[in-house]
Amino acid sequence: MLTIKGLSRIHITLFDLEGKHGRIDGGMGVALKYPRIVVNSGNCKEVKVGKIETSICVEEDYEAHVGLGHTTQYYLSVAKLASELNFERRNSHELARLVGRGGTSGVGVHLFDRGGFVVDGGHSTRVKDSPLPSDYSSAPPPPLLLRVNFPWYIYVNIPSGKRIFGPEEIKAFRQNASGFDELARVVLMEFIPSVVERDLSGALEGLWKIQGLGFKKVEVSLQTDTVREYMIRLYKMGFPSGLSSFGPAIFTFVSSRREGEELVSRFGGWVTEPNNRGAEVEWS
């Protein structure tokens, strides 16, 4: 039997939906050990994702449209299973093109292969000339710029909030967003160096600034008061938080599992290690 042990992810932000410097999109995110998608080569159901058709059994799964990248991770897990069964060693970039993912953010695609913390470089405006979500974009996955092991535990919570996808997601991408120039400076000169240098306070300070800039400000504004109140309560406790993609999942970084469990006891949710390996292939 063949088993693919996948992952989930938090998406921290998109960088640029204006495209005035020749590229659009761009993003960064972190792979999570839990929750995850686990599929094997059983005959529980026939599935078709993009150009891939195969039979699978789903051992572990998690909710879609909550901000944890379910669609991309499920599609890639199924495609990886089919590929390995045919003795084809395709990487996630090749798989993503087969199943039509990575047309906006490449974060989920690169994390599937490599895990950790990744930054992608977005799409050339010669390839993609306007902002669209991945479900409606035919652009190939963007290039990987940076990948490092992520050094901290991640606290995640899914408060009562909106699940934004489909036509509502397209409408959001067409909204006017501002603050992209400032966002780029915070990302490049504060958040990314803090992750690389393992400076937790610097990363959290940058994360909180990101929530009020660029397209992330739009995503936060579209969520419910409940979600925003959770974020403020965490901030007041000394844990600046972020909205993952459109949410309603929110997250923050903690230095130990014990610290994360204290947040769980107060607010619910869960604490997880980062997945610094990527998806796993197991034969048994």
C-alpha atoms as a PDB file:
ATOM      1  CA  MET A   1       0.000   0.000   0.000  1.00  0.00           C
ATOM      2  CA  LEU A   2       1.162   3.514  -0.787  1.00  0.00           C
ATOM      3  CA  THR A   3       0.460   6.353   1.641  1.00  0.00           C
ATOM      4  CA  ILE A   4       0.978  10.081   1.139  1.00  0.00           C
ATOM      5  CA  LYS A   5       1.242  12.061   4.377  1.00  0.00           C
ATOM      6  CA  GLY A   6       0.522  15.660   3.496  1.00  0.00           C
ATOM      7  CA  LEU A   7       0.184  18.852   5.490  1.00  0.00           C
ATOM      8  CA  SER A   8      -1.666  22.111   6.013  1.00  0.00           C
ATOM      9  CA  ARG A   9      -0.263  25.616   5.864  1.00  0.00           C
ATOM     10  CA  ILE A  10      -0.705  29.145   7.047  1.00  0.00           C
ATOM     11  CA  HIS A  11      -0.496  31.809   4.370  1.00  0.00           C
ATOM     12  CA  ILE A  12       0.869  35.000   5.882  1.00  0.00           C
ATOM     13  CA  THR A  13       0.292  37.481   3.061  1.00  0.00           C
ATOM     14  CA  LEU A  14       0.347  38.225  -0.638  1.00  0.00           C
ATOM     15  CA  PHE A  15       2.851  40.943  -1.493  1.00  0.00           C
ATOM     16  CA  ASP A  16       1.620  42.904  -4.501  1.00  0.00           C
ATOM     17  CA  LEU A  17      -1.620  42.936  -6.486  1.00  0.00           C
ATOM     18  CA  GLU A  18      -0.769  46.151  -8.380  1.00  0.00           C
ATOM     19  CA  GLY A  19       1.852  44.698 -10.721  1.00  0.00           C
ATOM     20  CA  LYS A  20       3.376  48.100 -11.438  1.00  0.00           C
ATOM     21  CA  HIS A  21       6.916  46.715 -11.141  1.00  0.00           C
ATOM     22  CA  GLY A  22       6.419  43.852 -13.576  1.00  0.00           C
ATOM     23  CA  ARG A  23       5.334  41.143 -11.138  1.00  0.00           C
ATOM     24  CA  ILE A  24       2.103  40.326  -9.337  1.00  0.00           C
ATOM     25  CA  ASP A  25       1.108  38.193  -6.334  1.00  0.00           C
ATOM     26  CA  GLY A  26       4.124  36.874  -4.375  1.00  0.00           C
ATOM     27  CA  GLY A  27       3.647  35.403  -0.934  1.00  0.00           C
ATOM     28  CA  MET A  28       5.029  33.634   2.123  1.00  0.00           C
ATOM     29  CA  GLY A  29       3.814  30.966   4.499  1.00  0.00           C
ATOM     30  CA  VAL A  30       4.618  28.094   6.848  1.00  0.00           C
ATOM     31  CA  ALA A  31       3.870  24.353   6.657  1.00  0.00           C
ATOM     32  CA  LEU A  32       2.061  22.782   9.639  1.00  0.00           C
ATOM     33  CA  LYS A  33       2.339  19.230  10.966  1.00  0.00           C
ATOM     34  CA  TYR A  34      -1.281  19.320  12.109  1.00  0.00           C
ATOM     35  CA  PRO A  35      -3.857  19.194  10.697  1.00  0.00           C
ATOM     36  CA  ARG A  36      -2.821  17.175   7.665  1.00  0.00           C
ATOM     37  CA  ILE A  37      -4.161  15.195   4.734  1.00  0.00           C
ATOM     38  CA  VAL A  38      -3.284  11.493   4.589  1.00  0.00           C
ATOM     39  CA  VAL A  39      -4.385   9.433   1.578  1.00  0.00           C
ATOM     40  CA  ASN A  40      -3.551   5.899   0.541  1.00  0.00           C
ATOM     41  CA  SER A  41      -3.960   3.635  -2.452  1.00  0.00           C
ATOM     42  CA  GLY A  42      -7.135   1.886  -1.306  1.00  0.00           C
ATOM     43  CA  ASN A  43     -10.343   1.617  -3.321  1.00  0.00           C
ATOM     44  CA  CYS A  44     -12.641   3.692  -1.115  1.00  0.00           C
ATOM     45  CA  LYS A  45     -13.585   6.173  -3.842  1.00  0.00           C
ATOM     46  CA  GLU A  46     -12.733   7.320  -7.334  1.00  0.00           C
ATOM     47  CA  VAL A  47     -11.527  10.903  -7.550  1.00  0.00           C
ATOM     48  CA  LYS A  48     -10.565  13.296 -10.317  1.00  0.00           C
ATOM     49  CA  VAL A  49      -8.451  16.372  -9.694  1.00  0.00           C
ATOM     50  CA  GLY A  50      -7.406  18.292 -12.782  1.00  0.00           C
ATOM     51  CA  LYS A  51      -5.941  15.780 -15.225  1.00  0.00           C
ATOM     52  CA  ILE A  52      -5.479  13.090 -12.548  1.00  0.00           C
ATOM     53  CA  GLU A  53      -7.902  10.209 -11.969  1.00  0.00           C
ATOM     54  CA  THR A  54      -7.260   7.534  -9.347  1.00  0.00           C
ATOM     55  CA  SER A  55      -8.728   5.516  -6.466  1.00  0.00           C
ATOM     56  CA  ILE A  56      -7.954   6.566  -2.910  1.00  0.00           C
ATOM     57  CA  CYS A  57      -8.830   6.164   0.732  1.00  0.00           C
ATOM     58  CA  VAL A  58      -8.665   9.256   2.940  1.00  0.00           C
ATOM     59  CA  GLU A  59      -7.260   8.510   6.395  1.00  0.00           C
ATOM     60  CA  GLU A  60      -6.946  12.091   7.677  1.00  0.00           C
ATOM     61  CA  ASP A  61      -8.415  15.343   6.416  1.00  0.00           C
ATOM     62  CA  TYR A  62      -9.397  18.826   7.563  1.00  0.00           C
ATOM     63  CA  GLU A  63     -11.951  21.475   6.670  1.00  0.00           C
ATOM     64  CA  ALA A  64     -11.854  23.369   3.398  1.00  0.00           C
ATOM     65  CA  HIS A  65     -12.132  27.160   3.029  1.00  0.00           C
ATOM     66  CA  VAL A  66     -10.871  28.025   6.510  1.00  0.00           C
ATOM     67  CA  GLY A  67      -7.520  29.489   5.441  1.00  0.00           C
ATOM     68  CA  LEU A  68      -5.317  26.407   5.803  1.00  0.00           C
ATOM     69  CA  GLY A  69      -4.810  25.616   2.110  1.00  0.00           C
ATOM     70  CA  HIS A  70      -6.988  22.505   1.895  1.00  0.00           C
ATOM     71  CA  THR A  71      -7.703  22.529  -1.851  1.00  0.00           C
ATOM     72  CA  THR A  72      -4.072  22.742  -2.916  1.00  0.00           C
ATOM     73  CA  GLN A  73      -2.875  20.207  -0.348  1.00  0.00           C
ATOM     74  CA  TYR A  74      -5.641  17.717  -1.184  1.00  0.00           C
ATOM     75  CA  TYR A  75      -5.072  18.025  -4.928  1.00  0.00           C
ATOM     76  CA  LEU A  76      -1.308  17.655  -4.577  1.00  0.00           C
ATOM     77  CA  SER A  77      -1.658  14.664  -2.240  1.00  0.00           C
ATOM     78  CA  VAL A  78      -3.930  12.863  -4.701  1.00  0.00           C
ATOM     79  CA  ALA A  79      -1.688  13.752  -7.645  1.00  0.00           C
ATOM     80  CA  LYS A  80       1.418  12.595  -5.760  1.00  0.00           C
ATOM     81  CA  LEU A  81      -0.266   9.281  -4.955  1.00  0.00           C
ATOM     82  CA  ALA A  82      -1.182   8.693  -8.605  1.00  0.00           C
ATOM     83  CA  SER A  83       2.279   9.728  -9.767  1.00  0.00           C
ATOM     84  CA  GLU A  84       4.122   7.413  -7.384  1.00  0.00           C
ATOM     85  CA  LEU A  85       1.821   4.502  -8.233  1.00  0.00           C
ATOM     86  CA  ASN A  86       2.898   4.952 -11.854  1.00  0.00           C
ATOM     87  CA  PHE A  87       6.578   5.174 -10.781  1.00  0.00           C
ATOM     88  CA  GLU A  88       6.697   8.807 -11.899  1.00  0.00           C
ATOM     89  CA  ARG A  89       8.736  10.996  -9.538  1.00  0.00           C
ATOM     90  CA  ARG A  90       7.088  14.338 -10.228  1.00  0.00           C
ATOM     91  CA  ASN A  91       7.842  17.287  -7.979  1.00  0.00           C
ATOM     92  CA  SER A  92       5.123  19.560  -6.620  1.00  0.00           C
ATOM     93  CA  HIS A  93       5.620  22.166  -9.349  1.00  0.00           C
ATOM     94  CA  GLU A  94       4.914  19.516 -12.017  1.00  0.00           C
ATOM     95  CA  LEU A  95       1.984  18.135 -10.035  1.00  0.00           C
ATOM     96  CA  ALA A  96       0.531  21.615  -9.532  1.00  0.00           C
ATOM     97  CA  ARG A  97       0.443  22.207 -13.274  1.00  0.00           C
ATOM     98  CA  LEU A  98      -1.453  18.918 -13.737  1.00  0.00           C
ATOM     99  CA  VAL A  99      -4.094  19.823 -11.160  1.00  0.00           C
ATOM    100  CA  GLY A 100      -4.275  23.571 -11.822  1.00  0.00           C
ATOM    101  CA  ARG A 101      -2.889  24.993  -8.580  1.00  0.00           C
ATOM    102  CA  GLY A 102      -0.382  27.753  -7.851  1.00  0.00           C
ATOM    103  CA  GLY A 103      -1.974  30.313 -10.149  1.00  0.00           C
ATOM    104  CA  THR A 104      -1.837  32.955  -7.416  1.00  0.00           C
ATOM    105  CA  SER A 105       0.312  31.906  -4.481  1.00  0.00           C
ATOM    106  CA  GLY A 106       3.033  29.302  -4.817  1.00  0.00           C
ATOM    107  CA  VAL A 107       3.322  28.888  -1.056  1.00  0.00           C
ATOM    108  CA  GLY A 108       1.257  25.699  -0.778  1.00  0.00           C
ATOM    109  CA  VAL A 109       2.972  24.173  -3.808  1.00  0.00           C
ATOM    110  CA  HIS A 110       6.519  24.744  -2.527  1.00  0.00           C
ATOM    111  CA  LEU A 111       5.640  23.728   1.039  1.00  0.00           C
ATOM    112  CA  PHE A 112       4.297  20.385  -0.188  1.00  0.00           C
ATOM    113  CA  ASP A 113       7.766  19.460  -1.451  1.00  0.00           C
ATOM    114  CA  ARG A 114       9.957  21.194   1.106  1.00  0.00           C
ATOM    115  CA  GLY A 115       8.042  22.185   4.236  1.00  0.00           C
ATOM    116  CA  GLY A 116       9.372  24.977   6.445  1.00  0.00           C
ATOM    117  CA  PHE A 117       8.970  28.679   5.708  1.00  0.00           C
ATOM    118  CA  VAL A 118       8.878  29.702   2.051  1.00  0.00           C
ATOM    119  CA  VAL A 119       8.746  32.897   0.039  1.00  0.00           C
ATOM    120  CA  ASP A 120       7.680  32.910  -3.616  1.00  0.00           C
ATOM    121  CA  GLY A 121       8.388  35.565  -6.235  1.00  0.00           C
ATOM    122  CA  GLY A 122       4.958  35.977  -7.798  1.00  0.00           C
ATOM    123  CA  HIS A 123       4.146  35.999 -11.503  1.00  0.00           C
ATOM    124  CA  SER A 124       5.501  38.118 -14.315  1.00  0.00           C
ATOM    125  CA  THR A 125       2.794  40.419 -15.640  1.00  0.00           C
ATOM    126  CA  ARG A 126       3.610  38.963 -19.064  1.00  0.00           C
ATOM    127  CA  VAL A 127       2.158  35.698 -17.764  1.00  0.00           C
ATOM    128  CA  LYS A 128      -0.577  37.050 -15.490  1.00  0.00           C
ATOM    129  CA  ASP A 129      -1.709  40.636 -15.922  1.00  0.00           C
ATOM    130  CA  SER A 130      -4.446  40.957 -13.284  1.00  0.00           C
ATOM    131  CA  PRO A 131      -5.094  39.674  -9.748  1.00  0.00           C
ATOM    132  CA  LEU A 132      -7.149  36.482  -9.571  1.00  0.00           C
ATOM    133  CA  PRO A 133      -7.442  33.674  -6.979  1.00  0.00           C
ATOM    134  CA  SER A 134      -5.868  30.311  -7.824  1.00  0.00           C
ATOM    135  CA  ASP A 135      -9.231  28.703  -8.659  1.00  0.00           C
ATOM    136  CA  TYR A 136      -9.602  31.173 -11.542  1.00  0.00           C
ATOM    137  CA  SER A 137      -6.021  31.574 -12.741  1.00  0.00           C
ATOM    138  CA  SER A 138      -4.232  29.403 -15.292  1.00  0.00           C
ATOM    139  CA  ALA A 139      -0.769  30.811 -14.519  1.00  0.00           C
ATOM    140  CA  PRO A 140       1.923  28.282 -13.563  1.00  0.00           C
ATOM    141  CA  PRO A 141       3.263  28.207  -9.998  1.00  0.00           C
ATOM    142  CA  PRO A 142       5.640  31.112  -9.238  1.00  0.00           C
ATOM    143  CA  PRO A 143       9.350  30.639  -8.480  1.00  0.00           C
ATOM    144  CA  LEU A 144      10.657  29.820  -5.028  1.00  0.00           C
ATOM    145  CA  LEU A 145      12.866  32.603  -3.612  1.00  0.00           C
ATOM    146  CA  LEU A 146      13.584  31.379  -0.087  1.00  0.00           C
ATOM    147  CA  ARG A 147      13.099  28.265   2.008  1.00  0.00           C
ATOM    148  CA  VAL A 148      14.308  27.852   5.618  1.00  0.00           C
ATOM    149  CA  ASN A 149      13.291  25.686   8.556  1.00  0.00           C
ATOM    150  CA  PHE A 150      10.672  27.444  10.651  1.00  0.00           C
ATOM    151  CA  PRO A 151      11.897  27.756  14.255  1.00  0.00           C
ATOM    152  CA  TRP A 152       8.754  28.145  16.401  1.00  0.00           C
ATOM    153  CA  TYR A 153       5.547  26.384  17.367  1.00  0.00           C
ATOM    154  CA  ILE A 154       2.375  27.759  15.810  1.00  0.00           C
ATOM    155  CA  TYR A 155      -0.863  28.404  17.679  1.00  0.00           C
ATOM    156  CA  VAL A 156      -3.931  28.179  15.431  1.00  0.00           C
ATOM    157  CA  ASN A 157      -7.589  28.962  16.095  1.00  0.00           C
ATOM    158  CA  ILE A 158     -10.644  28.979  13.828  1.00  0.00           C
ATOM    159  CA  PRO A 159     -13.178  31.359  15.416  1.00  0.00           C
ATOM    160  CA  SER A 160     -16.684  31.744  14.074  1.00  0.00           C
ATOM    161  CA  GLY A 161     -16.091  33.616  10.835  1.00  0.00           C
ATOM    162  CA  LYS A 162     -16.711  33.809   7.106  1.00  0.00           C
ATOM    163  CA  ARG A 163     -15.509  31.226   4.603  1.00  0.00           C
ATOM    164  CA  ILE A 164     -14.623  33.289   1.581  1.00  0.00           C
ATOM    165  CA  PHE A 165     -14.299  31.540  -1.781  1.00  0.00           C
ATOM    166  CA  GLY A 166     -15.823  31.501  -5.262  1.00  0.00           C
ATOM    167  CA  PRO A 167     -17.449  34.721  -6.523  1.00  0.00           C
ATOM    168  CA  GLU A 168     -16.901  36.450  -3.170  1.00  0.00           C
ATOM    169  CA  GLU A 169     -13.174  35.728  -3.427  1.00  0.00           C
ATOM    170  CA  ILE A 170     -13.002  37.148  -6.966  1.00  0.00           C
ATOM    171  CA  LYS A 171     -14.797  40.281  -5.771  1.00  0.00           C
ATOM    172  CA  ALA A 172     -12.258  40.677  -2.968  1.00  0.00           C
ATOM    173  CA  PHE A 173      -9.354  40.533  -5.423  1.00  0.00           C
ATOM    174  CA  ARG A 174     -10.930  43.365  -7.379  1.00  0.00           C
ATOM    175  CA  GLN A 175     -11.135  45.691  -4.394  1.00  0.00           C
ATOM    176  CA  ASN A 176      -8.761  48.609  -4.195  1.00  0.00           C
ATOM    177  CA  ALA A 177      -5.993  47.834  -1.728  1.00  0.00           C
ATOM    178  CA  SER A 178      -3.333  50.221  -0.470  1.00  0.00           C
ATOM    179  CA  GLY A 179      -0.088  50.050   1.438  1.00  0.00           C
ATOM    180  CA  PHE A 180       1.774  47.612  -0.817  1.00  0.00           C
ATOM    181  CA  ASP A 181       4.987  49.652  -0.749  1.00  0.00           C
ATOM    182  CA  GLU A 182       5.040  49.715   3.043  1.00  0.00           C
ATOM    183  CA  LEU A 183       4.096  46.028   3.119  1.00  0.00           C
ATOM    184  CA  ALA A 184       7.100  45.172   0.947  1.00  0.00           C
ATOM    185  CA  ARG A 185       9.426  46.976   3.370  1.00  0.00           C
ATOM    186  CA  VAL A 186       7.943  45.241   6.425  1.00  0.00           C
ATOM    187  CA  VAL A 187       8.182  41.830   4.726  1.00  0.00           C
ATOM    188  CA  LEU A 188      11.713  42.246   3.368  1.00  0.00           C
ATOM    189  CA  MET A 189      13.352  44.254   6.127  1.00  0.00           C
ATOM    190  CA  GLU A 190      11.517  43.031   9.218  1.00  0.00           C
ATOM    191  CA  PHE A 191       9.557  39.802   8.962  1.00  0.00           C
ATOM    192  CA  ILE A 192      11.791  37.615   6.761  1.00  0.00           C
ATOM    193  CA  PRO A 193      15.084  38.554   8.495  1.00  0.00           C
ATOM    194  CA  SER A 194      13.440  37.918  11.882  1.00  0.00           C
ATOM    195  CA  VAL A 195      12.480  34.376  10.838  1.00  0.00           C
ATOM    196  CA  VAL A 196      15.972  33.687   9.471  1.00  0.00           C
ATOM    197  CA  GLU A 197      17.630  35.075  12.624  1.00  0.00           C
ATOM    198  CA  ARG A 198      15.073  33.347  14.894  1.00  0.00           C
ATOM    199  CA  ASP A 199      14.015  36.652  16.414  1.00  0.00           C
ATOM    200  CA  LEU A 200      10.509  35.844  17.651  1.00  0.00           C
ATOM    201  CA  SER A 201       9.635  39.329  18.915  1.00  0.00           C
ATOM    202  CA  GLY A 202      10.711  40.871  15.587  1.00  0.00           C
ATOM    203  CA  ALA A 203       8.645  38.359  13.597  1.00  0.00           C
ATOM    204  CA  LEU A 204       5.551  38.976  15.713  1.00  0.00           C
ATOM    205  CA  GLU A 205       5.935  42.752  15.457  1.00  0.00           C
ATOM    206  CA  GLY A 206       6.186  42.469  11.681  1.00  0.00           C
ATOM    207  CA  LEU A 207       3.245  40.061  11.546  1.00  0.00           C
ATOM    208  CA  TRP A 208       0.994  42.535  13.335  1.00  0.00           C
ATOM    209  CA  LYS A 209       1.961  45.370  10.972  1.00  0.00           C
ATOM    210  CA  ILE A 210       1.169  43.168   7.973  1.00  0.00           C
ATOM    211  CA  GLN A 211      -2.492  42.855   9.073  1.00  0.00           C
ATOM    212  CA  GLY A 212      -3.098  46.526   8.239  1.00  0.00           C
ATOM    213  CA  LEU A 213      -1.316  46.678   4.886  1.00  0.00           C
ATOM    214  CA  GLY A 214      -1.935  45.744   1.250  1.00  0.00           C
ATOM    215  CA  PHE A 215      -4.296  42.915   0.400  1.00  0.00           C
ATOM    216  CA  LYS A 216      -4.054  41.485   3.909  1.00  0.00           C
ATOM    217  CA  LYS A 217      -5.890  44.563   5.169  1.00  0.00           C
ATOM    218  CA  VAL A 218      -8.722  43.696   2.743  1.00  0.00           C
ATOM    219  CA  GLU A 219      -8.815  40.072   3.939  1.00  0.00           C
ATOM    220  CA  VAL A 220      -8.985  41.135   7.583  1.00  0.00           C
ATOM    221  CA  SER A 221     -11.726  43.684   6.829  1.00  0.00           C
ATOM    222  CA  LEU A 222     -13.891  40.988   5.228  1.00  0.00           C
ATOM    223  CA  GLN A 223     -13.854  38.774   8.302  1.00  0.00           C
ATOM    224  CA  THR A 224     -16.328  38.887  11.182  1.00  0.00           C
ATOM    225  CA  ASP A 225     -16.056  41.008  14.297  1.00  0.00           C
ATOM    226  CA  THR A 226     -15.525  37.760  16.231  1.00  0.00           C
ATOM    227  CA  VAL A 227     -12.370  36.944  14.280  1.00  0.00           C
ATOM    228  CA  ARG A 228     -10.965  40.448  14.660  1.00  0.00           C
ATOM    229  CA  GLU A 229     -11.789  40.444  18.390  1.00  0.00           C
ATOM    230  CA  TYR A 230      -9.838  37.214  18.869  1.00  0.00           C
ATOM    231  CA  MET A 231      -6.862  38.814  17.147  1.00  0.00           C
ATOM    232  CA  ILE A 232      -7.035  41.857  19.405  1.00  0.00           C
ATOM    233  CA  ARG A 233      -7.367  39.710  22.553  1.00  0.00           C
ATOM    234  CA  LEU A 234      -4.264  37.749  21.566  1.00  0.00           C
ATOM    235  CA  TYR A 235      -2.409  40.996  20.884  1.00  0.00           C
ATOM    236  CA  LYS A 236      -3.305  42.362  24.324  1.00  0.00           C
ATOM    237  CA  MET A 237      -1.879  39.187  25.858  1.00  0.00           C
ATOM    238  CA  GLY A 238       1.421  39.824  24.088  1.00  0.00           C
ATOM    239  CA  PHE A 239       0.830  37.561  21.081  1.00  0.00           C
ATOM    240  CA  PRO A 240       0.382  39.572  17.877  1.00  0.00           C
ATOM    241  CA  SER A 241      -1.505  37.344  15.444  1.00  0.00           C
ATOM    242  CA  GLY A 242      -2.242  37.030  11.766  1.00  0.00           C
ATOM    243  CA  LEU A 243      -5.129  35.961   9.560  1.00  0.00           C
ATOM    244  CA  SER A 244      -4.183  32.994   7.382  1.00  0.00           C
ATOM    245  CA  SER A 245      -5.232  33.721   3.799  1.00  0.00           C
ATOM    246  CA  PHE A 246      -8.894  34.852   3.985  1.00  0.00           C
ATOM    247  CA  GLY A 247      -9.389  33.046   7.310  1.00  0.00           C
ATOM    248  CA  PRO A 248     -11.252  32.562   9.499  1.00  0.00           C
ATOM    249  CA  ALA A 249      -8.149  30.734  10.775  1.00  0.00           C
ATOM    250  CA  ILE A 250      -5.879  32.973  12.835  1.00  0.00           C
ATOM    251  CA  PHE A 251      -2.416  32.161  14.135  1.00  0.00           C
ATOM    252  CA  THR A 252       0.519  33.322  16.177  1.00  0.00           C
ATOM    253  CA  PHE A 253       3.979  31.980  16.935  1.00  0.00           C
ATOM    254  CA  VAL A 254       5.055  30.725  20.357  1.00  0.00           C
ATOM    255  CA  SER A 255       8.445  29.689  21.729  1.00  0.00           C
ATOM    256  CA  SER A 256       7.288  26.419  23.338  1.00  0.00           C
ATOM    257  CA  ARG A 257       4.441  23.944  23.265  1.00  0.00           C
ATOM    258  CA  ARG A 258       3.661  24.851  26.873  1.00  0.00           C
ATOM    259  CA  GLU A 259       3.187  28.489  25.905  1.00  0.00           C
ATOM    260  CA  GLY A 260       0.884  27.408  23.083  1.00  0.00           C
ATOM    261  CA  GLU A 261      -1.125  25.138  25.367  1.00  0.00           C
ATOM    262  CA  GLU A 262      -1.739  28.085  27.675  1.00  0.00           C
ATOM    263  CA  LEU A 263      -3.381  29.887  24.760  1.00  0.00           C
ATOM    264  CA  VAL A 264      -5.379  26.743  23.970  1.00  0.00           C
ATOM    265  CA  SER A 265      -6.682  26.591  27.548  1.00  0.00           C
ATOM    266  CA  ARG A 266      -7.761  30.233  27.339  1.00  0.00           C
ATOM    267  CA  PHE A 267      -9.069  30.521  23.774  1.00  0.00           C
ATOM    268  CA  GLY A 268      -9.403  26.991  22.358  1.00  0.00           C
ATOM    269  CA  GLY A 269      -7.730  26.078  19.086  1.00  0.00           C
ATOM    270  CA  TRP A 270      -4.551  24.015  18.974  1.00  0.00           C
ATOM    271  CA  VAL A 271      -0.781  24.243  18.917  1.00  0.00           C
ATOM    272  CA  THR A 272       1.353  22.479  16.317  1.00  0.00           C
ATOM    273  CA  GLU A 273       4.952  22.100  15.300  1.00  0.00           C
ATOM    274  CA  PRO A 274       5.960  23.336  11.861  1.00  0.00           C
ATOM    275  CA  ASN A 275       6.376  20.697   9.187  1.00  0.00           C
ATOM    276  CA  ASN A 276       9.977  21.211   8.106  1.00  0.00           C
ATOM    277  CA  ARG A 277      10.078  18.155   5.813  1.00  0.00           C
ATOM    278  CA  GLY A 278       7.166  18.452   3.402  1.00  0.00           C
ATOM    279  CA  ALA A 279       4.846  15.654   2.327  1.00  0.00           C
ATOM    280  CA  GLU A 280       6.026  12.087   2.935  1.00  0.00           C
ATOM    281  CA  VAL A 281       5.749   9.024   0.685  1.00  0.00           C
ATOM    282  CA  GLU A 282       5.480   5.644   2.441  1.00  0.00           C
ATOM    283  CA  TRP A 283       5.197   2.148   0.949  1.00  0.00           C
ATOM    284  CA  SER A 284       4.009  -0.728   3.165  1.00  0.00           C
END
